[in-house]
Amino acid sequence: MSQTVEGEILRLAAARGPAGSTDPTEVARALAPGPAGRWQSGLGAVRQAAIRLARAGRIDILRKGRVVDPTQPIRGVIRLRIRPSGEPS
């Protein structure tokens, strides 16, 4: 399941490009279409997969437009973006 979540994060983030970002709820909704609210149970898995991808240098996690350190606790509303080419991890 985690590979599916990571793959969907990468797919959506890449579609937006390094100048854009995606909301974790978009990832959860894409993975659990159907009745309203069903996707919410997947948000924790999306956040954990995003942290793994950020630690691996594949994406950036943004809070209030700034990149956050994925090794520190991440609270609040976040966005995910594909890491721009040439940017250090």
C-alpha atoms as a PDB file:
ATOM      1  CA  MET A   1       0.000   0.000   0.000  1.00  0.00           C
ATOM      2  CA  SER A   2       2.781   2.464   0.850  1.00  0.00           C
ATOM      3  CA  GLN A   3       4.240   2.144  -2.659  1.00  0.00           C
ATOM      4  CA  THR A   4       0.816   2.959  -4.075  1.00  0.00           C
ATOM      5  CA  VAL A   5       0.551   6.030  -1.835  1.00  0.00           C
ATOM      6  CA  GLU A   6       4.087   7.158  -2.683  1.00  0.00           C
ATOM      7  CA  GLY A   7       3.430   6.594  -6.383  1.00  0.00           C
ATOM      8  CA  GLU A   8       0.270   8.701  -6.270  1.00  0.00           C
ATOM      9  CA  ILE A   9       2.076  11.500  -4.405  1.00  0.00           C
ATOM     10  CA  LEU A  10       4.822  11.505  -7.029  1.00  0.00           C
ATOM     11  CA  ARG A  11       2.315  11.378  -9.902  1.00  0.00           C
ATOM     12  CA  LEU A  12       0.236  14.305  -8.638  1.00  0.00           C
ATOM     13  CA  ALA A  13       3.253  16.381  -7.572  1.00  0.00           C
ATOM     14  CA  ALA A  14       4.993  15.820 -10.912  1.00  0.00           C
ATOM     15  CA  ALA A  15       1.826  16.810 -12.759  1.00  0.00           C
ATOM     16  CA  ARG A  16       1.896  20.179 -10.949  1.00  0.00           C
ATOM     17  CA  GLY A  17       5.621  20.627 -11.542  1.00  0.00           C
ATOM     18  CA  PRO A  18       8.170  22.284  -9.239  1.00  0.00           C
ATOM     19  CA  ALA A  19       6.323  25.612  -9.427  1.00  0.00           C
ATOM     20  CA  GLY A  20       3.098  24.045  -8.131  1.00  0.00           C
ATOM     21  CA  SER A  21       2.075  21.785  -5.292  1.00  0.00           C
ATOM     22  CA  THR A  22      -0.611  19.311  -4.321  1.00  0.00           C
ATOM     23  CA  ASP A  23      -2.692  18.942  -1.215  1.00  0.00           C
ATOM     24  CA  PRO A  24      -2.425  15.623   0.690  1.00  0.00           C
ATOM     25  CA  THR A  25      -6.229  15.365   0.571  1.00  0.00           C
ATOM     26  CA  GLU A  26      -6.025  15.199  -3.243  1.00  0.00           C
ATOM     27  CA  VAL A  27      -3.800  12.140  -2.913  1.00  0.00           C
ATOM     28  CA  ALA A  28      -6.125  10.511  -0.370  1.00  0.00           C
ATOM     29  CA  ARG A  29      -9.189  11.228  -2.548  1.00  0.00           C
ATOM     30  CA  ALA A  30      -7.473   9.751  -5.619  1.00  0.00           C
ATOM     31  CA  LEU A  31      -6.661   6.562  -3.691  1.00  0.00           C
ATOM     32  CA  ALA A  32     -10.092   6.161  -2.073  1.00  0.00           C
ATOM     33  CA  PRO A  33     -12.775   7.450  -4.447  1.00  0.00           C
ATOM     34  CA  GLY A  34     -16.321   6.937  -3.400  1.00  0.00           C
ATOM     35  CA  PRO A  35     -18.556   8.183  -0.626  1.00  0.00           C
ATOM     36  CA  ALA A  36     -17.643  11.461   0.994  1.00  0.00           C
ATOM     37  CA  GLY A  37     -15.386  11.023   3.992  1.00  0.00           C
ATOM     38  CA  ARG A  38     -13.991   7.616   2.979  1.00  0.00           C
ATOM     39  CA  TRP A  39     -10.697   9.190   1.888  1.00  0.00           C
ATOM     40  CA  GLN A  40     -10.091  10.794   5.305  1.00  0.00           C
ATOM     41  CA  SER A  41      -8.944   7.511   6.838  1.00  0.00           C
ATOM     42  CA  GLY A  42      -6.018   7.507   4.373  1.00  0.00           C
ATOM     43  CA  LEU A  43      -4.616  10.912   5.309  1.00  0.00           C
ATOM     44  CA  GLY A  44      -2.232   9.515   7.922  1.00  0.00           C
ATOM     45  CA  ALA A  45      -0.734   7.128   5.368  1.00  0.00           C
ATOM     46  CA  VAL A  46      -0.357   9.992   2.878  1.00  0.00           C
ATOM     47  CA  ARG A  47       1.482  12.155   5.413  1.00  0.00           C
ATOM     48  CA  GLN A  48       3.804   9.279   6.391  1.00  0.00           C
ATOM     49  CA  ALA A  49       4.560   8.479   2.739  1.00  0.00           C
ATOM     50  CA  ALA A  50       5.233  12.176   2.079  1.00  0.00           C
ATOM     51  CA  ILE A  51       7.719  12.258   4.957  1.00  0.00           C
ATOM     52  CA  ARG A  52       9.514   9.191   3.558  1.00  0.00           C
ATOM     53  CA  LEU A  53       9.684  10.761   0.085  1.00  0.00           C
ATOM     54  CA  ALA A  54      10.929  14.070   1.501  1.00  0.00           C
ATOM     55  CA  ARG A  55      13.642  12.304   3.502  1.00  0.00           C
ATOM     56  CA  ALA A  56      14.683  10.501   0.300  1.00  0.00           C
ATOM     57  CA  GLY A  57      14.951  13.854  -1.499  1.00  0.00           C
ATOM     58  CA  ARG A  58      12.128  13.181  -3.981  1.00  0.00           C
ATOM     59  CA  ILE A  59       9.633  15.835  -2.840  1.00  0.00           C
ATOM     60  CA  ASP A  60       9.436  18.909  -0.640  1.00  0.00           C
ATOM     61  CA  ILE A  61       6.880  19.321   2.116  1.00  0.00           C
ATOM     62  CA  LEU A  62       5.692  22.908   2.332  1.00  0.00           C
ATOM     63  CA  ARG A  63       4.041  24.701   5.238  1.00  0.00           C
ATOM     64  CA  LYS A  64       2.966  28.289   4.634  1.00  0.00           C
ATOM     65  CA  GLY A  65       4.957  28.218   1.381  1.00  0.00           C
ATOM     66  CA  ARG A  66       8.242  27.231   3.015  1.00  0.00           C
ATOM     67  CA  VAL A  67      10.048  23.900   2.879  1.00  0.00           C
ATOM     68  CA  VAL A  68       9.932  22.100   6.216  1.00  0.00           C
ATOM     69  CA  ASP A  69      12.485  19.673   7.613  1.00  0.00           C
ATOM     70  CA  PRO A  70      11.000  16.162   7.313  1.00  0.00           C
ATOM     71  CA  THR A  71      13.071  14.951  10.258  1.00  0.00           C
ATOM     72  CA  GLN A  72      11.162  17.279  12.591  1.00  0.00           C
ATOM     73  CA  PRO A  73       7.515  16.910  13.674  1.00  0.00           C
ATOM     74  CA  ILE A  74       5.214  18.348  11.002  1.00  0.00           C
ATOM     75  CA  ARG A  75       1.938  19.824  12.179  1.00  0.00           C
ATOM     76  CA  GLY A  76      -0.824  21.693  10.470  1.00  0.00           C
ATOM     77  CA  VAL A  77      -1.716  22.187   6.843  1.00  0.00           C
ATOM     78  CA  ILE A  78       0.939  21.075   4.357  1.00  0.00           C
ATOM     79  CA  ARG A  79       1.401  20.896   0.593  1.00  0.00           C
ATOM     80  CA  LEU A  80       3.604  18.598  -1.438  1.00  0.00           C
ATOM     81  CA  ARG A  81       5.733  19.501  -4.436  1.00  0.00           C
ATOM     82  CA  ILE A  82       8.131  17.640  -6.619  1.00  0.00           C
ATOM     83  CA  ARG A  83      11.703  18.628  -5.772  1.00  0.00           C
ATOM     84  CA  PRO A  84      13.052  21.078  -8.370  1.00  0.00           C
ATOM     85  CA  SER A  85      15.988  19.705 -10.392  1.00  0.00           C
ATOM     86  CA  GLY A  86      19.361  20.570  -8.937  1.00  0.00           C
ATOM     87  CA  GLU A  87      17.964  21.578  -5.555  1.00  0.00           C
ATOM     88  CA  PRO A  88      19.829  19.940  -2.655  1.00  0.00           C
ATOM     89  CA  SER A  89      17.988  17.368  -0.543  1.00  0.00           C
END
